[in-house]
Amino acid sequence: MKKRGGRVSDQELFTRLIYYGTAHLNRNEDEVWLLPIGYLMDLWECHKQFIGISKPRKEYTIDDVVPEFL
């Protein structure tokens, strides 16, 4: 059996997004289609964090990345 790569087709991606929006986020299909894609992805990420599938990412500031030279 050949292992699939990380990329999915556009059709499969939109099918998954419709499924996430309708089954997990309790939106009807028309609402899901009208949501901006970024907002839908943010809602999905919040849902995953809420049910424990993923953890919030740590946000870094410039002070965390660039050391102080004094």
PDB file of N, CA and C in Angstrom:
ATOM      1  N   MET A   1       0.837  -1.175   0.000  1.00  0.00           N
ATOM      2  CA  MET A   1       0.000   0.000   0.000  1.00  0.00           C
ATOM      3  C   MET A   1       0.886   1.244   0.000  1.00  0.00           C
ATOM      4  N   LYS A   2       0.591   2.160  -0.893  1.00  0.00           N
ATOM      5  CA  LYS A   2       1.371   3.386  -0.997  1.00  0.00           C
ATOM      6  C   LYS A   2       0.848   4.423  -0.007  1.00  0.00           C
ATOM      7  N   LYS A   3       1.750   5.059   0.699  1.00  0.00           N
ATOM      8  CA  LYS A   3       1.370   6.077   1.676  1.00  0.00           C
ATOM      9  C   LYS A   3       1.012   7.368   0.955  1.00  0.00           C
ATOM     10  N   ARG A   4      -0.077   7.980   1.364  1.00  0.00           N
ATOM     11  CA  ARG A   4      -0.507   9.243   0.764  1.00  0.00           C
ATOM     12  C   ARG A   4       0.310  10.390   1.307  1.00  0.00           C
ATOM     13  N   GLY A   5       0.494  11.393   0.477  1.00  0.00           N
ATOM     14  CA  GLY A   5       1.179  12.604   0.911  1.00  0.00           C
ATOM     15  C   GLY A   5       0.259  13.456   1.759  1.00  0.00           C
ATOM     16  N   GLY A   6       0.755  14.581   2.237  1.00  0.00           N
ATOM     17  CA  GLY A   6      -0.010  15.462   3.098  1.00  0.00           C
ATOM     18  C   GLY A   6      -1.019  16.324   2.359  1.00  0.00           C
ATOM     19  N   ARG A   7      -0.930  16.386   1.031  1.00  0.00           N
ATOM     20  CA  ARG A   7      -1.826  17.234   0.244  1.00  0.00           C
ATOM     21  C   ARG A   7      -3.119  16.498  -0.078  1.00  0.00           C
ATOM     22  N   VAL A   8      -4.217  17.225  -0.034  1.00  0.00           N
ATOM     23  CA  VAL A   8      -5.501  16.664  -0.442  1.00  0.00           C
ATOM     24  C   VAL A   8      -6.030  17.505  -1.592  1.00  0.00           C
ATOM     25  N   SER A   9      -6.943  16.942  -2.359  1.00  0.00           N
ATOM     26  CA  SER A   9      -7.522  17.677  -3.473  1.00  0.00           C
ATOM     27  C   SER A   9      -8.430  18.783  -2.943  1.00  0.00           C
ATOM     28  N   ASP A  10      -8.700  19.761  -3.791  1.00  0.00           N
ATOM     29  CA  ASP A  10      -9.602  20.848  -3.405  1.00  0.00           C
ATOM     30  C   ASP A  10     -10.986  20.309  -3.063  1.00  0.00           C
ATOM     31  N   GLN A  11     -11.445  19.344  -3.839  1.00  0.00           N
ATOM     32  CA  GLN A  11     -12.760  18.766  -3.585  1.00  0.00           C
ATOM     33  C   GLN A  11     -12.806  18.106  -2.207  1.00  0.00           C
ATOM     34  N   GLU A  12     -11.765  17.349  -1.866  1.00  0.00           N
ATOM     35  CA  GLU A  12     -11.715  16.691  -0.566  1.00  0.00           C
ATOM     36  C   GLU A  12     -11.631  17.724   0.557  1.00  0.00           C
ATOM     37  N   LEU A  13     -10.865  18.782   0.357  1.00  0.00           N
ATOM     38  CA  LEU A  13     -10.748  19.836   1.360  1.00  0.00           C
ATOM     39  C   LEU A  13     -12.098  20.494   1.624  1.00  0.00           C
ATOM     40  N   PHE A  14     -12.817  20.864   0.568  1.00  0.00           N
ATOM     41  CA  PHE A  14     -14.110  21.511   0.757  1.00  0.00           C
ATOM     42  C   PHE A  14     -15.132  20.562   1.363  1.00  0.00           C
ATOM     43  N   THR A  15     -15.050  19.284   1.019  1.00  0.00           N
ATOM     44  CA  THR A  15     -15.940  18.302   1.642  1.00  0.00           C
ATOM     45  C   THR A  15     -15.680  18.225   3.138  1.00  0.00           C
ATOM     46  N   ARG A  16     -14.416  18.213   3.519  1.00  0.00           N
ATOM     47  CA  ARG A  16     -14.078  18.190   4.947  1.00  0.00           C
ATOM     48  C   ARG A  16     -14.560  19.453   5.653  1.00  0.00           C
ATOM     49  N   LEU A  17     -14.362  20.612   5.024  1.00  0.00           N
ATOM     50  CA  LEU A  17     -14.791  21.871   5.643  1.00  0.00           C
ATOM     51  C   LEU A  17     -16.303  21.914   5.829  1.00  0.00           C
ATOM     52  N   ILE A  18     -17.048  21.443   4.838  1.00  0.00           N
ATOM     53  CA  ILE A  18     -18.507  21.382   4.979  1.00  0.00           C
ATOM     54  C   ILE A  18     -18.881  20.435   6.123  1.00  0.00           C
ATOM     55  N   TYR A  19     -18.200  19.295   6.193  1.00  0.00           N
ATOM     56  CA  TYR A  19     -18.461  18.349   7.281  1.00  0.00           C
ATOM     57  C   TYR A  19     -18.156  18.982   8.641  1.00  0.00           C
ATOM     58  N   TYR A  20     -16.982  19.607   8.778  1.00  0.00           N
ATOM     59  CA  TYR A  20     -16.624  20.242  10.045  1.00  0.00           C
ATOM     60  C   TYR A  20     -17.663  21.289  10.435  1.00  0.00           C
ATOM     61  N   GLY A  21     -18.037  22.115   9.470  1.00  0.00           N
ATOM     62  CA  GLY A  21     -18.976  23.197   9.757  1.00  0.00           C
ATOM     63  C   GLY A  21     -20.351  22.717  10.138  1.00  0.00           C
ATOM     64  N   THR A  22     -20.838  21.688   9.437  1.00  0.00           N
ATOM     65  CA  THR A  22     -22.205  21.223   9.717  1.00  0.00           C
ATOM     66  C   THR A  22     -22.267  20.267  10.902  1.00  0.00           C
ATOM     67  N   ALA A  23     -21.366  19.301  10.954  1.00  0.00           N
ATOM     68  CA  ALA A  23     -21.447  18.266  11.992  1.00  0.00           C
ATOM     69  C   ALA A  23     -20.869  18.716  13.329  1.00  0.00           C
ATOM     70  N   HIS A  24     -19.792  19.484  13.306  1.00  0.00           N
ATOM     71  CA  HIS A  24     -19.114  19.818  14.560  1.00  0.00           C
ATOM     72  C   HIS A  24     -19.362  21.245  15.030  1.00  0.00           C
ATOM     73  N   LEU A  25     -19.605  22.157  14.104  1.00  0.00           N
ATOM     74  CA  LEU A  25     -19.794  23.554  14.497  1.00  0.00           C
ATOM     75  C   LEU A  25     -21.265  23.973  14.461  1.00  0.00           C
ATOM     76  N   ASN A  26     -22.146  23.012  14.172  1.00  0.00           N
ATOM     77  CA  ASN A  26     -23.603  23.226  14.197  1.00  0.00           C
ATOM     78  C   ASN A  26     -24.073  24.383  13.323  1.00  0.00           C
ATOM     79  N   ARG A  27     -23.489  24.491  12.136  1.00  0.00           N
ATOM     80  CA  ARG A  27     -23.929  25.487  11.155  1.00  0.00           C
ATOM     81  C   ARG A  27     -24.638  24.736  10.036  1.00  0.00           C
ATOM     82  N   ASN A  28     -25.589  25.400   9.358  1.00  0.00           N
ATOM     83  CA  ASN A  28     -26.164  24.735   8.196  1.00  0.00           C
ATOM     84  C   ASN A  28     -25.222  24.942   7.007  1.00  0.00           C
ATOM     85  N   GLU A  29     -25.427  24.166   5.953  1.00  0.00           N
ATOM     86  CA  GLU A  29     -24.483  24.176   4.833  1.00  0.00           C
ATOM     87  C   GLU A  29     -24.370  25.545   4.179  1.00  0.00           C
ATOM     88  N   ASP A  30     -25.484  26.267   4.066  1.00  0.00           N
ATOM     89  CA  ASP A  30     -25.428  27.616   3.474  1.00  0.00           C
ATOM     90  C   ASP A  30     -24.563  28.554   4.312  1.00  0.00           C
ATOM     91  N   GLU A  31     -24.678  28.465   5.633  1.00  0.00           N
ATOM     92  CA  GLU A  31     -23.842  29.306   6.504  1.00  0.00           C
ATOM     93  C   GLU A  31     -22.366  28.976   6.334  1.00  0.00           C
ATOM     94  N   VAL A  32     -22.051  27.693   6.220  1.00  0.00           N
ATOM     95  CA  VAL A  32     -20.656  27.291   6.056  1.00  0.00           C
ATOM     96  C   VAL A  32     -20.096  27.834   4.754  1.00  0.00           C
ATOM     97  N   TRP A  33     -20.876  27.742   3.663  1.00  0.00           N
ATOM     98  CA  TRP A  33     -20.396  28.243   2.371  1.00  0.00           C
ATOM     99  C   TRP A  33     -20.164  29.746   2.397  1.00  0.00           C
ATOM    100  N   LEU A  34     -20.922  30.473   3.212  1.00  0.00           N
ATOM    101  CA  LEU A  34     -20.805  31.936   3.245  1.00  0.00           C
ATOM    102  C   LEU A  34     -19.744  32.445   4.218  1.00  0.00           C
ATOM    103  N   LEU A  35     -19.236  31.568   5.088  1.00  0.00           N
ATOM    104  CA  LEU A  35     -18.196  31.985   6.028  1.00  0.00           C
ATOM    105  C   LEU A  35     -16.874  32.232   5.301  1.00  0.00           C
ATOM    106  N   PRO A  36     -16.156  33.286   5.668  1.00  0.00           N
ATOM    107  CA  PRO A  36     -14.799  33.431   5.128  1.00  0.00           C
ATOM    108  C   PRO A  36     -13.953  32.226   5.552  1.00  0.00           C
ATOM    109  N   ILE A  37     -13.112  31.734   4.654  1.00  0.00           N
ATOM    110  CA  ILE A  37     -12.350  30.509   4.904  1.00  0.00           C
ATOM    111  C   ILE A  37     -11.483  30.623   6.159  1.00  0.00           C
ATOM    112  N   GLY A  38     -10.869  31.784   6.384  1.00  0.00           N
ATOM    113  CA  GLY A  38     -10.035  31.977   7.564  1.00  0.00           C
ATOM    114  C   GLY A  38     -10.837  31.883   8.855  1.00  0.00           C
ATOM    115  N   TYR A  39     -12.040  32.458   8.839  1.00  0.00           N
ATOM    116  CA  TYR A  39     -12.907  32.404  10.013  1.00  0.00           C
ATOM    117  C   TYR A  39     -13.339  30.970  10.303  1.00  0.00           C
ATOM    118  N   LEU A  40     -13.682  30.219   9.242  1.00  0.00           N
ATOM    119  CA  LEU A  40     -14.061  28.817   9.419  1.00  0.00           C
ATOM    120  C   LEU A  40     -12.907  28.009   9.998  1.00  0.00           C
ATOM    121  N   MET A  41     -11.695  28.250   9.508  1.00  0.00           N
ATOM    122  CA  MET A  41     -10.530  27.530  10.027  1.00  0.00           C
ATOM    123  C   MET A  41     -10.252  27.911  11.488  1.00  0.00           C
ATOM    124  N   ASP A  42     -10.449  29.189  11.843  1.00  0.00           N
ATOM    125  CA  ASP A  42     -10.287  29.621  13.234  1.00  0.00           C
ATOM    126  C   ASP A  42     -11.314  28.934  14.144  1.00  0.00           C
ATOM    127  N   LEU A  43     -12.564  28.864  13.685  1.00  0.00           N
ATOM    128  CA  LEU A  43     -13.594  28.180  14.465  1.00  0.00           C
ATOM    129  C   LEU A  43     -13.246  26.714  14.663  1.00  0.00           C
ATOM    130  N   TRP A  44     -12.750  26.074  13.602  1.00  0.00           N
ATOM    131  CA  TRP A  44     -12.376  24.661  13.699  1.00  0.00           C
ATOM    132  C   TRP A  44     -11.229  24.476  14.680  1.00  0.00           C
ATOM    133  N   GLU A  45     -10.234  25.360  14.633  1.00  0.00           N
ATOM    134  CA  GLU A  45      -9.101  25.271  15.563  1.00  0.00           C
ATOM    135  C   GLU A  45      -9.571  25.464  17.005  1.00  0.00           C
ATOM    136  N   CYS A  46     -10.456  26.428  17.240  1.00  0.00           N
ATOM    137  CA  CYS A  46     -11.002  26.631  18.594  1.00  0.00           C
ATOM    138  C   CYS A  46     -11.754  25.396  19.064  1.00  0.00           C
ATOM    139  N   HIS A  47     -12.529  24.781  18.174  1.00  0.00           N
ATOM    140  CA  HIS A  47     -13.269  23.565  18.517  1.00  0.00           C
ATOM    141  C   HIS A  47     -12.304  22.442  18.902  1.00  0.00           C
ATOM    142  N   LYS A  48     -11.229  22.270  18.137  1.00  0.00           N
ATOM    143  CA  LYS A  48     -10.248  21.227  18.442  1.00  0.00           C
ATOM    144  C   LYS A  48      -9.585  21.470  19.790  1.00  0.00           C
ATOM    145  N   GLN A  49      -9.290  22.733  20.105  1.00  0.00           N
ATOM    146  CA  GLN A  49      -8.694  23.043  21.402  1.00  0.00           C
ATOM    147  C   GLN A  49      -9.692  22.779  22.519  1.00  0.00           C
ATOM    148  N   PHE A  50     -10.953  23.104  22.306  1.00  0.00           N
ATOM    149  CA  PHE A  50     -11.990  22.925  23.314  1.00  0.00           C
ATOM    150  C   PHE A  50     -12.177  21.455  23.673  1.00  0.00           C
ATOM    151  N   ILE A  51     -12.124  20.576  22.654  1.00  0.00           N
ATOM    152  CA  ILE A  51     -12.338  19.153  22.940  1.00  0.00           C
ATOM    153  C   ILE A  51     -11.035  18.411  23.222  1.00  0.00           C
ATOM    154  N   GLY A  52      -9.903  19.116  23.188  1.00  0.00           N
ATOM    155  CA  GLY A  52      -8.638  18.526  23.593  1.00  0.00           C
ATOM    156  C   GLY A  52      -7.833  17.854  22.496  1.00  0.00           C
ATOM    157  N   ILE A  53      -8.203  18.039  21.246  1.00  0.00           N
ATOM    158  CA  ILE A  53      -7.452  17.436  20.143  1.00  0.00           C
ATOM    159  C   ILE A  53      -6.134  18.164  19.924  1.00  0.00           C
ATOM    160  N   SER A  54      -6.145  19.486  20.087  1.00  0.00           N
ATOM    161  CA  SER A  54      -4.912  20.253  19.887  1.00  0.00           C
ATOM    162  C   SER A  54      -4.739  21.250  21.032  1.00  0.00           C
ATOM    163  N   LYS A  55      -3.546  21.785  21.122  1.00  0.00           N
ATOM    164  CA  LYS A  55      -3.234  22.769  22.160  1.00  0.00           C
ATOM    165  C   LYS A  55      -2.961  24.115  21.495  1.00  0.00           C
ATOM    166  N   PRO A  56      -3.266  25.203  22.206  1.00  0.00           N
ATOM    167  CA  PRO A  56      -2.991  26.526  21.625  1.00  0.00           C
ATOM    168  C   PRO A  56      -1.499  26.686  21.334  1.00  0.00           C
ATOM    169  N   ARG A  57      -1.216  27.344  20.235  1.00  0.00           N
ATOM    170  CA  ARG A  57       0.182  27.611  19.899  1.00  0.00           C
ATOM    171  C   ARG A  57       0.685  28.775  20.738  1.00  0.00           C
ATOM    172  N   LYS A  58       1.964  28.735  21.064  1.00  0.00           N
ATOM    173  CA  LYS A  58       2.556  29.831  21.827  1.00  0.00           C
ATOM    174  C   LYS A  58       2.857  30.974  20.882  1.00  0.00           C
ATOM    175  N   GLU A  59       2.458  32.162  21.270  1.00  0.00           N
ATOM    176  CA  GLU A  59       2.759  33.340  20.468  1.00  0.00           C
ATOM    177  C   GLU A  59       4.055  33.948  20.962  1.00  0.00           C
ATOM    178  N   TYR A  60       4.913  34.297  20.042  1.00  0.00           N
ATOM    179  CA  TYR A  60       6.199  34.895  20.368  1.00  0.00           C
ATOM    180  C   TYR A  60       6.176  36.374  20.037  1.00  0.00           C
ATOM    181  N   THR A  61       6.844  37.157  20.865  1.00  0.00           N
ATOM    182  CA  THR A  61       7.031  38.569  20.564  1.00  0.00           C
ATOM    183  C   THR A  61       8.459  38.757  20.055  1.00  0.00           C
ATOM    184  N   ILE A  62       8.757  39.909  19.572  1.00  0.00           N
ATOM    185  CA  ILE A  62      10.109  40.189  19.077  1.00  0.00           C
ATOM    186  C   ILE A  62      11.135  40.061  20.205  1.00  0.00           C
ATOM    187  N   ASP A  63      10.729  40.369  21.430  1.00  0.00           N
ATOM    188  CA  ASP A  63      11.634  40.246  22.576  1.00  0.00           C
ATOM    189  C   ASP A  63      11.989  38.785  22.870  1.00  0.00           C
ATOM    190  N   ASP A  64      11.088  37.863  22.539  1.00  0.00           N
ATOM    191  CA  ASP A  64      11.387  36.435  22.723  1.00  0.00           C
ATOM    192  C   ASP A  64      12.366  35.919  21.689  1.00  0.00           C
ATOM    193  N   VAL A  65      12.388  36.518  20.515  1.00  0.00           N
ATOM    194  CA  VAL A  65      13.189  36.027  19.409  1.00  0.00           C
ATOM    195  C   VAL A  65      14.548  36.690  19.347  1.00  0.00           C
ATOM    196  N   VAL A  66      14.588  38.014  19.557  1.00  0.00           N
ATOM    197  CA  VAL A  66      15.851  38.769  19.473  1.00  0.00           C
ATOM    198  C   VAL A  66      16.366  39.032  20.883  1.00  0.00           C
ATOM    199  N   PRO A  67      17.551  38.547  21.216  1.00  0.00           N
ATOM    200  CA  PRO A  67      18.067  38.768  22.557  1.00  0.00           C
ATOM    201  C   PRO A  67      18.460  40.242  22.782  1.00  0.00           C
ATOM    202  N   GLU A  68      18.433  40.628  24.040  1.00  0.00           N
ATOM    203  CA  GLU A  68      18.814  42.002  24.405  1.00  0.00           C
ATOM    204  C   GLU A  68      20.331  42.092  24.478  1.00  0.00           C
ATOM    205  N   PHE A  69      20.921  43.121  23.867  1.00  0.00           N
ATOM    206  CA  PHE A  69      22.368  43.276  23.816  1.00  0.00           C
ATOM    207  C   PHE A  69      22.846  44.449  24.668  1.00  0.00           C
ATOM    208  N   LEU A  70      22.453  44.530  25.876  1.00  0.00           N
ATOM    209  CA  LEU A  70      22.938  45.632  26.726  1.00  0.00           C
ATOM    210  C   LEU A  70      23.834  45.136  27.803  1.00  0.00           C
TER     211      LEU A  70
END
